[in-house]
Amino acid sequence: MDWVGLIIQLIGGAAGGVGTGRVAKNVSINPTVDAIVGLIGGAGGTWLAGLIPALAPMLAGGGTAYVGQAVTGVVGGGILTAIVGLIKNMAAPK
């Protein structure tokens, strides 16, 4: 396991979660929860992207792979934050 890559994914995910919460206020729970959900989404999104054969070599580890891990972390964190926020909004009483 590449610890540096994992840390990059987590930081990217947190940034994606908080960024999504700030841009789309209707899906934001609060900045702390957005960051935590983004952390999970960053690691999960990079793992899912690694399952795609065309993206796997880009995320394999090493210098330039860190950029790919950061990008997939930001995207994964943002997507998961939006999904959780939408579920929260649908479950909230009107």
C-alpha atoms as a PDB file:
ATOM      1  CA  MET A   1       0.000   0.000   0.000  1.00  0.00           C
ATOM      2  CA  ASP A   2       1.242   3.443  -0.938  1.00  0.00           C
ATOM      3  CA  TRP A   3       0.657   5.642   2.120  1.00  0.00           C
ATOM      4  CA  VAL A   4       1.469   8.877   0.315  1.00  0.00           C
ATOM      5  CA  GLY A   5      -1.101   8.077  -2.367  1.00  0.00           C
ATOM      6  CA  LEU A   6      -3.721   7.267   0.262  1.00  0.00           C
ATOM      7  CA  ILE A   7      -3.084  10.554   2.074  1.00  0.00           C
ATOM      8  CA  ILE A   8      -3.364  12.429  -1.223  1.00  0.00           C
ATOM      9  CA  GLN A   9      -6.669  10.682  -1.961  1.00  0.00           C
ATOM     10  CA  LEU A  10      -8.042  11.554   1.477  1.00  0.00           C
ATOM     11  CA  ILE A  11      -6.985  15.199   1.298  1.00  0.00           C
ATOM     12  CA  GLY A  12      -8.349  15.488  -2.240  1.00  0.00           C
ATOM     13  CA  GLY A  13     -11.609  13.882  -1.159  1.00  0.00           C
ATOM     14  CA  ALA A  14     -11.996  16.243   1.789  1.00  0.00           C
ATOM     15  CA  ALA A  15     -11.340  19.211  -0.484  1.00  0.00           C
ATOM     16  CA  GLY A  16     -13.876  17.907  -2.994  1.00  0.00           C
ATOM     17  CA  GLY A  17     -16.467  17.407  -0.280  1.00  0.00           C
ATOM     18  CA  VAL A  18     -16.048  20.849   1.234  1.00  0.00           C
ATOM     19  CA  GLY A  19     -15.926  22.447  -2.223  1.00  0.00           C
ATOM     20  CA  THR A  20     -19.130  20.734  -3.278  1.00  0.00           C
ATOM     21  CA  GLY A  21     -20.805  21.846  -0.063  1.00  0.00           C
ATOM     22  CA  ARG A  22     -19.786  25.455  -0.640  1.00  0.00           C
ATOM     23  CA  VAL A  23     -20.791  25.538  -4.296  1.00  0.00           C
ATOM     24  CA  ALA A  24     -24.054  23.590  -3.947  1.00  0.00           C
ATOM     25  CA  LYS A  25     -25.387  24.803  -0.604  1.00  0.00           C
ATOM     26  CA  ASN A  26     -28.550  22.721  -0.969  1.00  0.00           C
ATOM     27  CA  VAL A  27     -26.531  19.474  -0.648  1.00  0.00           C
ATOM     28  CA  SER A  28     -24.257  20.648   2.171  1.00  0.00           C
ATOM     29  CA  ILE A  29     -24.857  19.187   5.620  1.00  0.00           C
ATOM     30  CA  ASN A  30     -22.137  21.249   7.328  1.00  0.00           C
ATOM     31  CA  PRO A  31     -18.464  21.738   6.461  1.00  0.00           C
ATOM     32  CA  THR A  32     -17.211  19.115   8.920  1.00  0.00           C
ATOM     33  CA  VAL A  33     -19.571  16.407   7.696  1.00  0.00           C
ATOM     34  CA  ASP A  34     -18.900  17.408   4.082  1.00  0.00           C
ATOM     35  CA  ALA A  35     -15.161  16.900   4.712  1.00  0.00           C
ATOM     36  CA  ILE A  36     -15.672  13.511   6.387  1.00  0.00           C
ATOM     37  CA  VAL A  37     -17.953  12.262   3.610  1.00  0.00           C
ATOM     38  CA  GLY A  38     -15.429  13.644   1.115  1.00  0.00           C
ATOM     39  CA  LEU A  39     -12.615  11.656   2.780  1.00  0.00           C
ATOM     40  CA  ILE A  40     -14.569   8.452   2.254  1.00  0.00           C
ATOM     41  CA  GLY A  41     -15.505   9.442  -1.284  1.00  0.00           C
ATOM     42  CA  GLY A  42     -11.901  10.316  -2.134  1.00  0.00           C
ATOM     43  CA  ALA A  43     -10.579   6.890  -1.201  1.00  0.00           C
ATOM     44  CA  GLY A  44     -13.581   5.065  -2.656  1.00  0.00           C
ATOM     45  CA  GLY A  45     -13.583   7.063  -5.873  1.00  0.00           C
ATOM     46  CA  THR A  46      -9.914   6.380  -6.506  1.00  0.00           C
ATOM     47  CA  TRP A  47     -10.441   2.683  -5.800  1.00  0.00           C
ATOM     48  CA  LEU A  48     -13.344   2.568  -8.268  1.00  0.00           C
ATOM     49  CA  ALA A  49     -11.344   4.467 -10.891  1.00  0.00           C
ATOM     50  CA  GLY A  50      -8.533   1.930 -10.463  1.00  0.00           C
ATOM     51  CA  LEU A  51     -10.944  -0.818 -11.537  1.00  0.00           C
ATOM     52  CA  ILE A  52     -11.314   0.807 -14.966  1.00  0.00           C
ATOM     53  CA  PRO A  53      -8.594  -0.749 -17.163  1.00  0.00           C
ATOM     54  CA  ALA A  54      -7.782   2.488 -18.980  1.00  0.00           C
ATOM     55  CA  LEU A  55      -7.255   4.396 -15.711  1.00  0.00           C
ATOM     56  CA  ALA A  56      -5.471   1.712 -13.675  1.00  0.00           C
ATOM     57  CA  PRO A  57      -1.932   2.456 -14.980  1.00  0.00           C
ATOM     58  CA  MET A  58      -2.422   6.157 -14.253  1.00  0.00           C
ATOM     59  CA  LEU A  59      -3.229   5.399 -10.585  1.00  0.00           C
ATOM     60  CA  ALA A  60      -0.643   2.643 -10.026  1.00  0.00           C
ATOM     61  CA  GLY A  61       1.626   4.678  -7.758  1.00  0.00           C
ATOM     62  CA  GLY A  62       4.628   6.910  -8.060  1.00  0.00           C
ATOM     63  CA  GLY A  63       5.222  10.525  -8.994  1.00  0.00           C
ATOM     64  CA  THR A  64       2.759  11.264 -11.790  1.00  0.00           C
ATOM     65  CA  ALA A  65       0.179   8.840 -10.361  1.00  0.00           C
ATOM     66  CA  TYR A  66      -0.205  11.172  -7.393  1.00  0.00           C
ATOM     67  CA  VAL A  67      -1.807  13.762  -9.671  1.00  0.00           C
ATOM     68  CA  GLY A  68      -4.312  11.165 -10.885  1.00  0.00           C
ATOM     69  CA  GLN A  69      -5.018  10.093  -7.324  1.00  0.00           C
ATOM     70  CA  ALA A  70      -5.617  13.694  -6.279  1.00  0.00           C
ATOM     71  CA  VAL A  71      -7.994  14.314  -9.177  1.00  0.00           C
ATOM     72  CA  THR A  72      -9.991  11.135  -8.604  1.00  0.00           C
ATOM     73  CA  GLY A  73     -10.029  11.918  -4.876  1.00  0.00           C
ATOM     74  CA  VAL A  74     -11.507  15.380  -5.460  1.00  0.00           C
ATOM     75  CA  VAL A  75     -14.095  14.044  -7.899  1.00  0.00           C
ATOM     76  CA  GLY A  76     -15.019  11.070  -5.704  1.00  0.00           C
ATOM     77  CA  GLY A  77     -15.319  13.235  -2.605  1.00  0.00           C
ATOM     78  CA  GLY A  78     -17.489  15.756  -4.398  1.00  0.00           C
ATOM     79  CA  ILE A  79     -19.784  13.137  -5.877  1.00  0.00           C
ATOM     80  CA  LEU A  80     -20.287  11.268  -2.606  1.00  0.00           C
ATOM     81  CA  THR A  81     -20.945  14.521  -0.739  1.00  0.00           C
ATOM     82  CA  ALA A  82     -23.597  15.484  -3.304  1.00  0.00           C
ATOM     83  CA  ILE A  83     -25.232  12.046  -3.062  1.00  0.00           C
ATOM     84  CA  VAL A  84     -25.330  12.103   0.748  1.00  0.00           C
ATOM     85  CA  GLY A  85     -26.674  15.657   0.734  1.00  0.00           C
ATOM     86  CA  LEU A  86     -29.435  14.764  -1.718  1.00  0.00           C
ATOM     87  CA  ILE A  87     -30.411  11.733   0.388  1.00  0.00           C
ATOM     88  CA  LYS A  88     -30.484  13.950   3.483  1.00  0.00           C
ATOM     89  CA  ASN A  89     -32.725  16.444   1.706  1.00  0.00           C
ATOM     90  CA  MET A  90     -35.103  13.731   0.498  1.00  0.00           C
ATOM     91  CA  ALA A  91     -35.364  12.219   3.995  1.00  0.00           C
ATOM     92  CA  ALA A  92     -35.875  15.544   5.778  1.00  0.00           C
ATOM     93  CA  PRO A  93     -39.438  16.419   6.756  1.00  0.00           C
ATOM     94  CA  LYS A  94     -40.976  19.139   4.664  1.00  0.00           C
END
